[in-house]
Amino acid sequence: MMDRSVEDIHSAMDKDFRSETYTVDESITDTILWLMQHQDIFDSFHFDVHSQELSVTHAAGVDIIRVGMFLNAKYGILVTSI
């Protein structure tokens, strides 16, 4: 289990991971939790521990997920934007 601070846990409790939209923040764990609630919109994801980079493969290609990106699951596919 990952060691998370009390503030991180409270922050995660305030997020709606079932929402069709999500804004990526510093918590990779929360972003992955959101993606897991929307598994039908992407094919796979990869987290590189060395570079701390999360990439997601979906119908439109591969995106590197970065802090501040807006993720959208409304159309049945993953739509990303900055």
Protein backbone atom coordinates (compact mmCIF):
# COMPACT_ATOMS: atom_id res chain seq x y z
CA MET A 1 0.00 0.00 0.00
CA MET A 2 1.26 3.47 -0.80
CA ASP A 3 2.07 5.76 2.09
CA ARG A 4 -0.32 8.71 1.77
CA SER A 5 -0.61 11.68 4.08
CA VAL A 6 -3.85 12.49 5.87
CA GLU A 7 -4.26 15.52 3.59
CA ASP A 8 -3.94 13.31 0.50
CA ILE A 9 -6.57 10.93 1.83
CA HIS A 10 -9.01 13.76 2.59
CA SER A 11 -8.36 15.26 -0.84
CA ALA A 12 -9.11 11.91 -2.52
CA MET A 13 -12.30 11.56 -0.49
CA ASP A 14 -13.49 14.89 -1.92
CA LYS A 15 -13.00 13.75 -5.53
CA ASP A 16 -15.72 12.09 -7.58
CA PHE A 17 -13.88 9.36 -9.48
CA ARG A 18 -17.09 8.37 -11.27
CA SER A 19 -17.47 11.83 -12.77
CA GLU A 20 -17.14 11.90 -16.56
CA THR A 21 -14.50 14.62 -16.30
CA TYR A 22 -11.33 14.90 -14.24
CA THR A 23 -8.54 17.45 -13.90
CA VAL A 24 -5.16 15.81 -13.32
CA ASP A 25 -3.31 16.96 -10.21
CA GLU A 26 -0.08 15.84 -8.53
CA SER A 27 -1.63 12.57 -7.33
CA ILE A 28 -0.87 9.83 -9.86
CA THR A 29 -2.83 7.46 -7.62
CA ASP A 30 -6.00 9.54 -7.95
CA THR A 31 -5.59 9.79 -11.73
CA ILE A 32 -5.27 6.02 -11.97
CA LEU A 33 -8.32 5.60 -9.73
CA TRP A 34 -10.30 7.85 -12.09
CA LEU A 35 -9.08 5.86 -15.10
CA MET A 36 -10.07 2.59 -13.42
CA GLN A 37 -13.64 3.91 -13.09
CA HIS A 38 -13.66 4.49 -16.87
CA GLN A 39 -11.91 1.39 -18.23
CA ASP A 40 -14.08 1.38 -21.35
CA ILE A 41 -12.49 4.60 -22.71
CA PHE A 42 -8.89 3.41 -23.05
CA ASP A 43 -6.94 0.31 -24.03
CA SER A 44 -4.07 0.41 -21.54
CA PHE A 45 -1.93 2.65 -19.41
CA HIS A 46 1.73 2.52 -18.42
CA PHE A 47 3.45 4.19 -15.49
CA ASP A 48 7.22 4.58 -15.77
CA VAL A 49 8.59 4.63 -12.23
CA HIS A 50 11.92 6.09 -13.29
CA SER A 51 10.52 9.09 -15.17
CA GLN A 52 7.27 9.25 -13.12
CA GLU A 53 5.40 9.44 -16.42
CA LEU A 54 1.88 8.08 -16.98
CA SER A 55 0.90 7.27 -20.55
CA VAL A 56 -2.51 6.09 -21.74
CA THR A 57 -3.22 4.26 -25.00
CA HIS A 58 -6.71 4.88 -26.39
CA ALA A 59 -8.63 5.05 -29.68
CA ALA A 60 -6.98 8.30 -30.77
CA GLY A 61 -3.41 7.22 -29.93
CA VAL A 62 -1.17 7.60 -26.89
CA ASP A 63 -1.19 10.54 -24.48
CA ILE A 64 1.30 11.41 -21.78
CA ILE A 65 -0.86 12.47 -18.83
CA ARG A 66 0.42 15.62 -17.13
CA VAL A 67 -0.65 17.78 -14.21
CA GLY A 68 -3.30 20.27 -15.30
CA MET A 69 -4.71 18.13 -18.13
CA PHE A 70 -8.46 17.79 -18.41
CA LEU A 71 -9.68 14.22 -18.99
CA ASN A 72 -13.11 13.60 -20.46
CA ALA A 73 -15.00 10.29 -20.69
CA LYS A 74 -18.30 11.71 -21.96
CA TYR A 75 -18.05 10.43 -25.51
CA GLY A 76 -17.10 6.81 -24.80
CA ILE A 77 -13.46 7.53 -25.63
CA LEU A 78 -10.75 9.29 -23.66
CA VAL A 79 -10.47 12.93 -24.67
CA THR A 80 -7.58 14.90 -23.20
CA SER A 81 -6.77 18.58 -23.26
CA ILE A 82 -4.60 21.10 -21.46
